[in-house]
Amino acid sequence: MKKELTIEQQEELLKILEIRFEKNMSRHKDIKWDKVEEKLKANTSKLRSLDEMERTEGEPDVIGYDKNKNEYLFVDCAAESPKGRRSICYDHEALEKRKENKPANSAINMAEEMGIEILDETQYRELQKLGKFDAKTSSWIKTPSEIRKLGGAVFSDFRYNTVFVYHNGADSYYAARGFRGILRV
């Protein structure tokens, strides 16, 4: 991930985020952009993470506010799994396990490098209440340790007006599967 965004890059990113925020008010009722912007300007490391989400075509947007922690929740809201994060396996262990045809990276590694967290099943289902996401693609989601210990990983998608949660080997990867992240600001 890039070290630090220039002032110009920060301003450009904030403008992109503000435009998306204004276009999609149904995702964040009762949240005011000036309050979000104030928090972002006070924490430039979060701007770097959002820039990585944007660069990989995640289209991050505010989807909520955690009153207990005083944090805004940014999630990848691209219609399909972010293009810049596809064709990856689940985690580093799975990546290392592959002897042939290794993908370039894993979902968990990429999320850590970006400074975000991969969505869990509950967060993924909440996102789906805000629109139709992953109608043609799928996204890895946080896998319970009991499943991961057995070599599996979990992914989700939206088909037939239903959120499906399914499994695959953690070392598998597909051109249409990536991951969605969440960032708390």
N, C-alpha and C. Protein backbone atom coordinates (compact mmCIF):
# COMPACT_ATOMS: atom_id res chain seq x y z
N MET A 1 0.85 -1.18 0.00
CA MET A 1 0.00 0.00 0.00
C MET A 1 0.89 1.25 0.00
N LYS A 2 0.43 2.29 -0.66
CA LYS A 2 1.16 3.55 -0.70
C LYS A 2 1.36 4.07 0.71
N LYS A 3 2.47 4.81 0.90
CA LYS A 3 2.76 5.37 2.21
C LYS A 3 1.76 6.45 2.62
N GLU A 4 1.81 7.56 1.96
CA GLU A 4 1.00 8.71 2.35
C GLU A 4 0.39 9.35 1.11
N LEU A 5 -0.84 9.75 1.20
CA LEU A 5 -1.48 10.46 0.09
C LEU A 5 -1.08 11.94 0.15
N THR A 6 -0.85 12.52 -1.01
CA THR A 6 -0.58 13.96 -1.05
C THR A 6 -1.88 14.69 -0.71
N ILE A 7 -1.76 15.97 -0.43
CA ILE A 7 -2.95 16.79 -0.14
C ILE A 7 -3.90 16.75 -1.34
N GLU A 8 -3.35 16.82 -2.54
CA GLU A 8 -4.18 16.79 -3.76
C GLU A 8 -4.91 15.45 -3.88
N GLN A 9 -4.19 14.35 -3.60
CA GLN A 9 -4.81 13.02 -3.67
C GLN A 9 -5.90 12.88 -2.62
N GLN A 10 -5.67 13.41 -1.43
CA GLN A 10 -6.67 13.37 -0.36
C GLN A 10 -7.92 14.14 -0.79
N GLU A 11 -7.74 15.32 -1.34
CA GLU A 11 -8.87 16.14 -1.77
C GLU A 11 -9.65 15.46 -2.89
N GLU A 12 -8.93 14.85 -3.83
CA GLU A 12 -9.57 14.15 -4.94
C GLU A 12 -10.40 12.97 -4.43
N LEU A 13 -9.82 12.19 -3.51
CA LEU A 13 -10.53 11.05 -2.93
C LEU A 13 -11.75 11.51 -2.15
N LEU A 14 -11.61 12.54 -1.35
CA LEU A 14 -12.75 13.05 -0.58
C LEU A 14 -13.87 13.50 -1.50
N LYS A 15 -13.54 14.08 -2.63
CA LYS A 15 -14.57 14.53 -3.59
C LYS A 15 -15.30 13.32 -4.16
N ILE A 16 -14.55 12.27 -4.54
CA ILE A 16 -15.16 11.03 -5.07
C ILE A 16 -16.10 10.43 -4.02
N LEU A 17 -15.63 10.36 -2.79
CA LEU A 17 -16.44 9.78 -1.71
C LEU A 17 -17.69 10.61 -1.44
N GLU A 18 -17.55 11.94 -1.46
CA GLU A 18 -18.69 12.81 -1.23
C GLU A 18 -19.74 12.66 -2.33
N ILE A 19 -19.31 12.60 -3.57
CA ILE A 19 -20.24 12.42 -4.69
C ILE A 19 -21.00 11.11 -4.54
N ARG A 20 -20.28 10.04 -4.22
CA ARG A 20 -20.92 8.72 -4.04
C ARG A 20 -21.89 8.77 -2.86
N PHE A 21 -21.48 9.41 -1.77
CA PHE A 21 -22.30 9.56 -0.58
C PHE A 21 -23.62 10.25 -0.93
N GLU A 22 -23.53 11.35 -1.66
CA GLU A 22 -24.72 12.13 -2.03
C GLU A 22 -25.63 11.36 -2.99
N LYS A 23 -25.06 10.56 -3.87
CA LYS A 23 -25.85 9.79 -4.85
C LYS A 23 -26.60 8.63 -4.20
N ASN A 24 -26.13 8.18 -3.05
CA ASN A 24 -26.66 6.96 -2.43
C ASN A 24 -27.12 7.20 -1.00
N MET A 25 -27.94 8.21 -0.81
CA MET A 25 -28.38 8.58 0.54
C MET A 25 -29.16 7.47 1.24
N SER A 26 -29.77 6.58 0.48
CA SER A 26 -30.53 5.48 1.10
C SER A 26 -29.63 4.53 1.89
N ARG A 27 -28.34 4.54 1.62
CA ARG A 27 -27.40 3.68 2.35
C ARG A 27 -27.05 4.23 3.73
N HIS A 28 -27.27 5.51 3.94
CA HIS A 28 -26.81 6.14 5.19
C HIS A 28 -27.74 7.27 5.63
N LYS A 29 -28.98 6.92 5.83
CA LYS A 29 -29.96 7.91 6.30
C LYS A 29 -29.49 8.50 7.64
N ASP A 30 -29.76 9.75 7.82
CA ASP A 30 -29.45 10.46 9.07
C ASP A 30 -27.94 10.64 9.32
N ILE A 31 -27.10 10.42 8.32
CA ILE A 31 -25.67 10.67 8.45
C ILE A 31 -25.34 11.86 7.55
N LYS A 32 -24.59 12.79 8.10
CA LYS A 32 -24.22 14.01 7.37
C LYS A 32 -22.77 13.90 6.89
N TRP A 33 -22.56 14.26 5.61
CA TRP A 33 -21.23 14.13 5.01
C TRP A 33 -20.18 14.95 5.77
N ASP A 34 -20.51 16.16 6.23
CA ASP A 34 -19.50 16.99 6.89
C ASP A 34 -18.92 16.32 8.13
N LYS A 35 -19.73 15.54 8.85
CA LYS A 35 -19.25 14.81 10.03
C LYS A 35 -18.30 13.68 9.61
N VAL A 36 -18.65 12.99 8.52
CA VAL A 36 -17.80 11.90 8.00
C VAL A 36 -16.47 12.49 7.53
N GLU A 37 -16.55 13.57 6.77
CA GLU A 37 -15.34 14.21 6.24
C GLU A 37 -14.42 14.68 7.36
N GLU A 38 -15.00 15.22 8.41
CA GLU A 38 -14.23 15.68 9.56
C GLU A 38 -13.42 14.53 10.17
N LYS A 39 -14.06 13.37 10.33
CA LYS A 39 -13.37 12.19 10.88
C LYS A 39 -12.27 11.71 9.94
N LEU A 40 -12.54 11.74 8.64
CA LEU A 40 -11.55 11.30 7.66
C LEU A 40 -10.32 12.21 7.66
N LYS A 41 -10.54 13.50 7.72
CA LYS A 41 -9.43 14.46 7.70
C LYS A 41 -8.58 14.34 8.96
N ALA A 42 -9.19 13.88 10.03
CA ALA A 42 -8.46 13.72 11.29
C ALA A 42 -7.66 12.41 11.32
N ASN A 43 -7.89 11.53 10.35
CA ASN A 43 -7.21 10.24 10.35
C ASN A 43 -6.80 9.86 8.94
N THR A 44 -5.67 10.37 8.50
CA THR A 44 -5.24 10.15 7.12
C THR A 44 -4.88 8.70 6.81
N SER A 45 -4.58 7.89 7.81
CA SER A 45 -4.31 6.47 7.53
C SER A 45 -5.58 5.79 7.01
N LYS A 46 -6.73 6.24 7.46
CA LYS A 46 -8.01 5.70 6.97
C LYS A 46 -8.22 6.12 5.51
N LEU A 47 -7.76 7.31 5.17
CA LEU A 47 -7.85 7.76 3.78
C LEU A 47 -7.01 6.87 2.87
N ARG A 48 -5.85 6.45 3.34
CA ARG A 48 -5.02 5.52 2.54
C ARG A 48 -5.77 4.23 2.29
N SER A 49 -6.44 3.70 3.32
CA SER A 49 -7.20 2.46 3.15
C SER A 49 -8.35 2.66 2.17
N LEU A 50 -9.05 3.77 2.30
CA LEU A 50 -10.15 4.07 1.37
C LEU A 50 -9.64 4.24 -0.06
N ASP A 51 -8.46 4.82 -0.19
CA ASP A 51 -7.87 4.97 -1.51
C ASP A 51 -7.58 3.60 -2.13
N GLU A 52 -7.11 2.67 -1.34
CA GLU A 52 -6.87 1.31 -1.84
C GLU A 52 -8.18 0.63 -2.20
N MET A 53 -9.22 0.84 -1.41
CA MET A 53 -10.53 0.29 -1.74
C MET A 53 -11.01 0.85 -3.07
N GLU A 54 -10.81 2.14 -3.26
CA GLU A 54 -11.23 2.81 -4.49
C GLU A 54 -10.37 2.34 -5.68
N ARG A 55 -9.07 2.26 -5.48
CA ARG A 55 -8.14 1.86 -6.55
C ARG A 55 -8.44 0.46 -7.07
N THR A 56 -8.88 -0.43 -6.18
CA THR A 56 -9.20 -1.81 -6.58
C THR A 56 -10.66 -1.96 -7.00
N GLU A 57 -11.34 -0.83 -7.20
CA GLU A 57 -12.70 -0.74 -7.73
C GLU A 57 -13.78 -1.27 -6.79
N GLY A 58 -13.58 -1.03 -5.49
CA GLY A 58 -14.58 -1.43 -4.51
C GLY A 58 -15.72 -0.44 -4.33
N GLU A 59 -15.50 0.80 -4.75
CA GLU A 59 -16.51 1.86 -4.60
C GLU A 59 -17.00 1.97 -3.15
N PRO A 60 -16.08 2.25 -2.21
CA PRO A 60 -16.48 2.33 -0.80
C PRO A 60 -17.48 3.45 -0.54
N ASP A 61 -18.41 3.16 0.37
CA ASP A 61 -19.41 4.15 0.76
C ASP A 61 -19.78 3.91 2.22
N VAL A 62 -20.29 4.93 2.86
CA VAL A 62 -20.75 4.83 4.25
C VAL A 62 -22.06 4.04 4.26
N ILE A 63 -22.11 3.01 5.10
CA ILE A 63 -23.36 2.24 5.22
C ILE A 63 -23.92 2.25 6.64
N GLY A 64 -23.24 2.93 7.54
CA GLY A 64 -23.76 2.96 8.90
C GLY A 64 -22.86 3.73 9.85
N TYR A 65 -23.33 3.81 11.08
CA TYR A 65 -22.61 4.52 12.13
C TYR A 65 -22.74 3.71 13.41
N ASP A 66 -21.61 3.41 14.04
CA ASP A 66 -21.59 2.68 15.30
C ASP A 66 -21.53 3.71 16.43
N LYS A 67 -22.68 3.93 17.08
CA LYS A 67 -22.77 4.94 18.14
C LYS A 67 -21.86 4.62 19.32
N ASN A 68 -21.75 3.34 19.66
CA ASN A 68 -20.94 2.95 20.82
C ASN A 68 -19.46 3.27 20.62
N LYS A 69 -18.98 3.13 19.40
CA LYS A 69 -17.56 3.38 19.11
C LYS A 69 -17.32 4.70 18.41
N ASN A 70 -18.41 5.44 18.09
CA ASN A 70 -18.30 6.70 17.37
C ASN A 70 -17.52 6.51 16.06
N GLU A 71 -17.93 5.50 15.27
CA GLU A 71 -17.25 5.19 14.03
C GLU A 71 -18.25 5.07 12.87
N TYR A 72 -17.85 5.61 11.73
CA TYR A 72 -18.61 5.44 10.50
C TYR A 72 -18.11 4.17 9.82
N LEU A 73 -19.01 3.44 9.18
CA LEU A 73 -18.67 2.18 8.55
C LEU A 73 -18.66 2.35 7.03
N PHE A 74 -17.49 2.19 6.44
CA PHE A 74 -17.35 2.20 4.98
C PHE A 74 -17.27 0.76 4.51
N VAL A 75 -18.02 0.42 3.46
CA VAL A 75 -18.00 -0.93 2.89
C VAL A 75 -17.93 -0.80 1.38
N ASP A 76 -17.31 -1.79 0.73
CA ASP A 76 -17.27 -1.84 -0.72
C ASP A 76 -18.68 -2.00 -1.25
N CYS A 77 -19.15 -1.03 -2.04
CA CYS A 77 -20.51 -1.05 -2.56
C CYS A 77 -20.56 -1.19 -4.08
N ALA A 78 -19.47 -1.65 -4.70
CA ALA A 78 -19.50 -1.92 -6.13
C ALA A 78 -20.55 -3.01 -6.38
N ALA A 79 -21.24 -2.92 -7.52
CA ALA A 79 -22.29 -3.89 -7.81
C ALA A 79 -21.77 -5.33 -7.79
N GLU A 80 -20.56 -5.53 -8.30
CA GLU A 80 -19.94 -6.86 -8.31
C GLU A 80 -18.68 -6.83 -7.45
N SER A 81 -18.20 -7.99 -7.09
CA SER A 81 -16.99 -8.11 -6.27
C SER A 81 -15.88 -7.26 -6.92
N PRO A 82 -15.15 -6.46 -6.15
CA PRO A 82 -14.18 -5.55 -6.72
C PRO A 82 -13.20 -6.21 -7.70
N LYS A 83 -13.12 -5.65 -8.90
CA LYS A 83 -12.30 -6.22 -9.98
C LYS A 83 -10.83 -6.37 -9.59
N GLY A 84 -10.31 -5.42 -8.86
CA GLY A 84 -8.90 -5.45 -8.48
C GLY A 84 -8.58 -6.41 -7.36
N ARG A 85 -9.57 -7.20 -6.92
CA ARG A 85 -9.37 -8.15 -5.82
C ARG A 85 -9.92 -9.52 -6.14
N ARG A 86 -9.95 -9.87 -7.41
CA ARG A 86 -10.48 -11.19 -7.81
C ARG A 86 -9.34 -12.15 -8.14
N SER A 87 -9.72 -13.40 -8.38
CA SER A 87 -8.75 -14.46 -8.71
C SER A 87 -7.74 -14.65 -7.59
N ILE A 88 -8.23 -14.66 -6.37
CA ILE A 88 -7.39 -14.85 -5.19
C ILE A 88 -7.98 -15.95 -4.32
N CYS A 89 -7.10 -16.64 -3.60
CA CYS A 89 -7.59 -17.66 -2.68
C CYS A 89 -7.97 -16.98 -1.36
N TYR A 90 -8.31 -17.79 -0.35
CA TYR A 90 -8.84 -17.21 0.88
C TYR A 90 -7.79 -16.55 1.78
N ASP A 91 -6.74 -17.31 2.15
CA ASP A 91 -5.76 -16.77 3.09
C ASP A 91 -4.34 -17.21 2.74
N HIS A 92 -3.37 -16.74 3.52
CA HIS A 92 -1.96 -17.01 3.25
C HIS A 92 -1.65 -18.51 3.32
N GLU A 93 -2.22 -19.19 4.28
CA GLU A 93 -2.01 -20.63 4.41
C GLU A 93 -2.44 -21.35 3.13
N ALA A 94 -3.58 -20.99 2.60
CA ALA A 94 -4.08 -21.59 1.36
C ALA A 94 -3.17 -21.25 0.18
N LEU A 95 -2.68 -20.02 0.15
CA LEU A 95 -1.78 -19.58 -0.91
C LEU A 95 -0.50 -20.40 -0.90
N GLU A 96 0.05 -20.61 0.29
CA GLU A 96 1.29 -21.38 0.44
C GLU A 96 1.08 -22.86 0.11
N LYS A 97 -0.11 -23.35 0.35
CA LYS A 97 -0.42 -24.77 0.12
C LYS A 97 -0.41 -25.11 -1.38
N ARG A 98 -0.80 -24.17 -2.20
CA ARG A 98 -0.85 -24.41 -3.66
C ARG A 98 0.55 -24.58 -4.20
N LYS A 99 0.77 -25.68 -4.89
CA LYS A 99 2.09 -25.94 -5.49
C LYS A 99 2.14 -25.44 -6.93
N GLU A 100 1.01 -25.52 -7.64
CA GLU A 100 0.95 -25.09 -9.03
C GLU A 100 -0.15 -24.05 -9.20
N ASN A 101 0.01 -23.22 -10.21
CA ASN A 101 -1.00 -22.22 -10.56
C ASN A 101 -1.43 -21.37 -9.36
N LYS A 102 -0.46 -20.89 -8.61
CA LYS A 102 -0.78 -20.05 -7.45
C LYS A 102 -1.40 -18.74 -7.90
N PRO A 103 -2.43 -18.29 -7.18
CA PRO A 103 -2.94 -16.94 -7.46
C PRO A 103 -1.92 -15.91 -6.97
N ALA A 104 -2.11 -14.68 -7.35
CA ALA A 104 -1.18 -13.62 -6.98
C ALA A 104 -1.21 -13.30 -5.48
N ASN A 105 -2.35 -13.53 -4.84
CA ASN A 105 -2.48 -13.14 -3.44
C ASN A 105 -3.69 -13.85 -2.84
N SER A 106 -4.00 -13.49 -1.59
CA SER A 106 -5.18 -14.03 -0.91
C SER A 106 -6.04 -12.89 -0.38
N ALA A 107 -7.29 -13.19 -0.11
CA ALA A 107 -8.22 -12.18 0.40
C ALA A 107 -7.76 -11.62 1.74
N ILE A 108 -7.38 -12.49 2.64
CA ILE A 108 -6.97 -12.04 3.98
C ILE A 108 -5.70 -11.20 3.90
N ASN A 109 -4.71 -11.63 3.10
CA ASN A 109 -3.48 -10.84 2.94
C ASN A 109 -3.79 -9.46 2.39
N MET A 110 -4.59 -9.43 1.32
CA MET A 110 -4.90 -8.15 0.68
C MET A 110 -5.62 -7.22 1.64
N ALA A 111 -6.58 -7.75 2.38
CA ALA A 111 -7.32 -6.93 3.35
C ALA A 111 -6.36 -6.32 4.38
N GLU A 112 -5.46 -7.14 4.90
CA GLU A 112 -4.48 -6.64 5.88
C GLU A 112 -3.60 -5.56 5.27
N GLU A 113 -3.12 -5.80 4.04
CA GLU A 113 -2.27 -4.81 3.37
C GLU A 113 -3.02 -3.50 3.15
N MET A 114 -4.30 -3.58 2.91
CA MET A 114 -5.13 -2.40 2.66
C MET A 114 -5.58 -1.71 3.95
N GLY A 115 -5.45 -2.38 5.07
CA GLY A 115 -5.88 -1.82 6.35
C GLY A 115 -7.37 -1.93 6.57
N ILE A 116 -8.00 -2.95 5.96
CA ILE A 116 -9.44 -3.18 6.11
C ILE A 116 -9.68 -4.59 6.61
N GLU A 117 -10.93 -4.90 6.91
CA GLU A 117 -11.31 -6.25 7.30
C GLU A 117 -12.23 -6.83 6.25
N ILE A 118 -12.14 -8.12 6.04
CA ILE A 118 -13.05 -8.81 5.14
C ILE A 118 -14.41 -8.90 5.82
N LEU A 119 -15.49 -8.78 5.06
CA LEU A 119 -16.83 -8.85 5.65
C LEU A 119 -17.10 -10.24 6.22
N ASP A 120 -17.85 -10.27 7.32
CA ASP A 120 -18.33 -11.55 7.83
C ASP A 120 -19.74 -11.78 7.28
N GLU A 121 -20.33 -12.92 7.59
CA GLU A 121 -21.63 -13.25 7.02
C GLU A 121 -22.71 -12.23 7.40
N THR A 122 -22.74 -11.81 8.65
CA THR A 122 -23.74 -10.84 9.10
C THR A 122 -23.59 -9.52 8.35
N GLN A 123 -22.36 -9.04 8.23
CA GLN A 123 -22.11 -7.78 7.53
C GLN A 123 -22.49 -7.91 6.05
N TYR A 124 -22.20 -9.05 5.45
CA TYR A 124 -22.54 -9.28 4.05
C TYR A 124 -24.07 -9.24 3.86
N ARG A 125 -24.78 -9.90 4.76
CA ARG A 125 -26.25 -9.90 4.67
C ARG A 125 -26.81 -8.49 4.88
N GLU A 126 -26.21 -7.71 5.77
CA GLU A 126 -26.65 -6.33 5.99
C GLU A 126 -26.42 -5.49 4.73
N LEU A 127 -25.28 -5.69 4.08
CA LEU A 127 -25.00 -4.97 2.85
C LEU A 127 -26.06 -5.28 1.80
N GLN A 128 -26.47 -6.53 1.70
CA GLN A 128 -27.44 -6.93 0.69
C GLN A 128 -28.81 -6.27 0.90
N LYS A 129 -29.08 -5.79 2.09
CA LYS A 129 -30.33 -5.07 2.35
C LYS A 129 -30.32 -3.68 1.72
N LEU A 130 -29.13 -3.21 1.31
CA LEU A 130 -28.98 -1.87 0.74
C LEU A 130 -28.98 -1.86 -0.78
N GLY A 131 -29.05 -3.04 -1.39
CA GLY A 131 -29.02 -3.14 -2.84
C GLY A 131 -28.78 -4.58 -3.25
N LYS A 132 -28.56 -4.78 -4.54
CA LYS A 132 -28.23 -6.12 -5.03
C LYS A 132 -26.76 -6.14 -5.40
N PHE A 133 -25.99 -6.90 -4.66
CA PHE A 133 -24.55 -6.98 -4.85
C PHE A 133 -24.16 -8.43 -5.16
N ASP A 134 -23.17 -8.59 -6.01
CA ASP A 134 -22.67 -9.93 -6.39
C ASP A 134 -23.73 -10.78 -7.08
N ALA A 135 -24.45 -10.19 -8.03
CA ALA A 135 -25.43 -10.94 -8.81
C ALA A 135 -24.75 -11.79 -9.90
N LYS A 136 -23.51 -11.44 -10.23
CA LYS A 136 -22.76 -12.20 -11.24
C LYS A 136 -21.44 -12.71 -10.70
N THR A 137 -21.03 -12.22 -9.57
CA THR A 137 -19.76 -12.60 -8.96
C THR A 137 -20.02 -13.17 -7.57
N SER A 138 -18.96 -13.48 -6.85
CA SER A 138 -19.09 -13.91 -5.45
C SER A 138 -17.95 -13.29 -4.66
N SER A 139 -18.09 -13.29 -3.34
CA SER A 139 -17.08 -12.68 -2.47
C SER A 139 -16.77 -13.61 -1.30
N TRP A 140 -15.46 -13.81 -1.08
CA TRP A 140 -15.05 -14.52 0.13
C TRP A 140 -15.57 -13.74 1.33
N ILE A 141 -16.00 -14.45 2.38
CA ILE A 141 -16.36 -13.79 3.63
C ILE A 141 -15.58 -14.46 4.76
N LYS A 142 -15.52 -13.79 5.90
CA LYS A 142 -14.77 -14.31 7.04
C LYS A 142 -15.27 -15.71 7.37
N THR A 143 -14.33 -16.63 7.43
CA THR A 143 -14.65 -18.05 7.62
C THR A 143 -14.48 -18.45 9.07
N PRO A 144 -15.46 -19.14 9.65
CA PRO A 144 -15.30 -19.65 11.02
C PRO A 144 -14.08 -20.58 11.12
N SER A 145 -13.36 -20.48 12.23
CA SER A 145 -12.12 -21.25 12.40
C SER A 145 -12.34 -22.76 12.27
N GLU A 146 -13.52 -23.25 12.69
CA GLU A 146 -13.77 -24.69 12.61
C GLU A 146 -13.77 -25.17 11.15
N ILE A 147 -14.30 -24.34 10.27
CA ILE A 147 -14.32 -24.67 8.84
C ILE A 147 -12.93 -24.52 8.25
N ARG A 148 -12.26 -23.45 8.63
CA ARG A 148 -10.92 -23.19 8.07
C ARG A 148 -9.93 -24.27 8.47
N LYS A 149 -10.03 -24.78 9.70
CA LYS A 149 -9.13 -25.85 10.17
C LYS A 149 -9.25 -27.10 9.32
N LEU A 150 -10.41 -27.29 8.71
CA LEU A 150 -10.64 -28.47 7.87
C LEU A 150 -10.29 -28.21 6.40
N GLY A 151 -9.75 -27.03 6.11
CA GLY A 151 -9.32 -26.73 4.75
C GLY A 151 -10.31 -25.94 3.92
N GLY A 152 -11.46 -25.61 4.50
CA GLY A 152 -12.49 -24.90 3.75
C GLY A 152 -12.49 -23.41 4.00
N ALA A 153 -13.25 -22.72 3.18
CA ALA A 153 -13.49 -21.28 3.34
C ALA A 153 -14.89 -21.00 2.81
N VAL A 154 -15.44 -19.86 3.21
CA VAL A 154 -16.83 -19.54 2.91
C VAL A 154 -16.89 -18.32 1.98
N PHE A 155 -17.83 -18.37 1.05
CA PHE A 155 -18.08 -17.23 0.17
C PHE A 155 -19.58 -17.02 0.05
N SER A 156 -19.95 -15.85 -0.47
CA SER A 156 -21.36 -15.50 -0.61
C SER A 156 -21.61 -14.84 -1.96
N ASP A 157 -22.88 -14.89 -2.36
CA ASP A 157 -23.32 -14.17 -3.56
C ASP A 157 -24.82 -13.95 -3.45
N PHE A 158 -25.38 -13.30 -4.46
CA PHE A 158 -26.81 -12.98 -4.48
C PHE A 158 -27.40 -13.50 -5.77
N ARG A 159 -28.25 -14.52 -5.67
CA ARG A 159 -28.91 -15.10 -6.83
C ARG A 159 -30.36 -15.38 -6.46
N TYR A 160 -31.26 -15.30 -7.43
CA TYR A 160 -32.67 -15.63 -7.21
C TYR A 160 -33.27 -14.86 -6.03
N ASN A 161 -32.88 -13.59 -5.92
CA ASN A 161 -33.34 -12.72 -4.82
C ASN A 161 -33.02 -13.28 -3.44
N THR A 162 -31.92 -14.02 -3.36
CA THR A 162 -31.52 -14.66 -2.11
C THR A 162 -30.01 -14.53 -1.91
N VAL A 163 -29.60 -14.31 -0.66
CA VAL A 163 -28.17 -14.34 -0.32
C VAL A 163 -27.81 -15.79 -0.06
N PHE A 164 -26.83 -16.28 -0.81
CA PHE A 164 -26.34 -17.64 -0.62
C PHE A 164 -24.99 -17.60 0.06
N VAL A 165 -24.79 -18.49 1.00
CA VAL A 165 -23.51 -18.68 1.67
C VAL A 165 -23.10 -20.11 1.35
N TYR A 166 -21.88 -20.25 0.83
CA TYR A 166 -21.45 -21.57 0.41
C TYR A 166 -19.98 -21.76 0.75
N HIS A 167 -19.45 -22.91 0.45
CA HIS A 167 -18.08 -23.26 0.81
C HIS A 167 -17.27 -23.68 -0.40
N ASN A 168 -15.96 -23.64 -0.22
CA ASN A 168 -15.02 -24.09 -1.23
C ASN A 168 -13.72 -24.40 -0.50
N GLY A 169 -12.80 -25.06 -1.16
CA GLY A 169 -11.48 -25.21 -0.58
C GLY A 169 -10.86 -23.82 -0.47
N ALA A 170 -10.18 -23.55 0.63
CA ALA A 170 -9.60 -22.22 0.84
C ALA A 170 -8.56 -21.87 -0.22
N ASP A 171 -7.98 -22.89 -0.85
CA ASP A 171 -6.95 -22.62 -1.86
C ASP A 171 -7.53 -22.42 -3.26
N SER A 172 -8.84 -22.53 -3.40
CA SER A 172 -9.45 -22.32 -4.72
C SER A 172 -9.50 -20.84 -5.04
N TYR A 173 -9.56 -20.54 -6.33
CA TYR A 173 -9.73 -19.15 -6.76
C TYR A 173 -10.38 -19.13 -8.13
N TYR A 174 -11.18 -18.09 -8.34
CA TYR A 174 -11.95 -17.96 -9.56
C TYR A 174 -11.90 -16.52 -10.04
N ALA A 175 -12.00 -16.34 -11.34
CA ALA A 175 -11.96 -14.99 -11.94
C ALA A 175 -13.11 -14.12 -11.47
N ALA A 176 -14.20 -14.73 -11.03
CA ALA A 176 -15.37 -13.96 -10.60
C ALA A 176 -15.52 -13.92 -9.08
N ARG A 177 -14.48 -14.32 -8.33
CA ARG A 177 -14.58 -14.25 -6.87
C ARG A 177 -13.47 -13.39 -6.29
N GLY A 178 -13.89 -12.42 -5.49
CA GLY A 178 -12.96 -11.56 -4.80
C GLY A 178 -13.36 -11.45 -3.34
N PHE A 179 -13.32 -10.25 -2.80
CA PHE A 179 -13.79 -10.03 -1.43
C PHE A 179 -14.21 -8.58 -1.27
N ARG A 180 -15.08 -8.35 -0.30
CA ARG A 180 -15.52 -7.02 0.07
C ARG A 180 -14.98 -6.72 1.47
N GLY A 181 -14.63 -5.46 1.67
CA GLY A 181 -14.06 -5.09 2.95
C GLY A 181 -14.89 -4.04 3.68
N ILE A 182 -14.57 -3.91 4.95
CA ILE A 182 -15.18 -2.89 5.80
C ILE A 182 -14.06 -2.11 6.48
N LEU A 183 -14.27 -0.81 6.59
CA LEU A 183 -13.34 0.07 7.27
C LEU A 183 -14.11 0.92 8.25
N ARG A 184 -13.63 0.97 9.48
CA ARG A 184 -14.24 1.78 10.53
C ARG A 184 -13.46 3.08 10.68
N VAL A 185 -14.17 4.20 10.60
CA VAL A 185 -13.51 5.51 10.69
C VAL A 185 -14.09 6.29 11.86
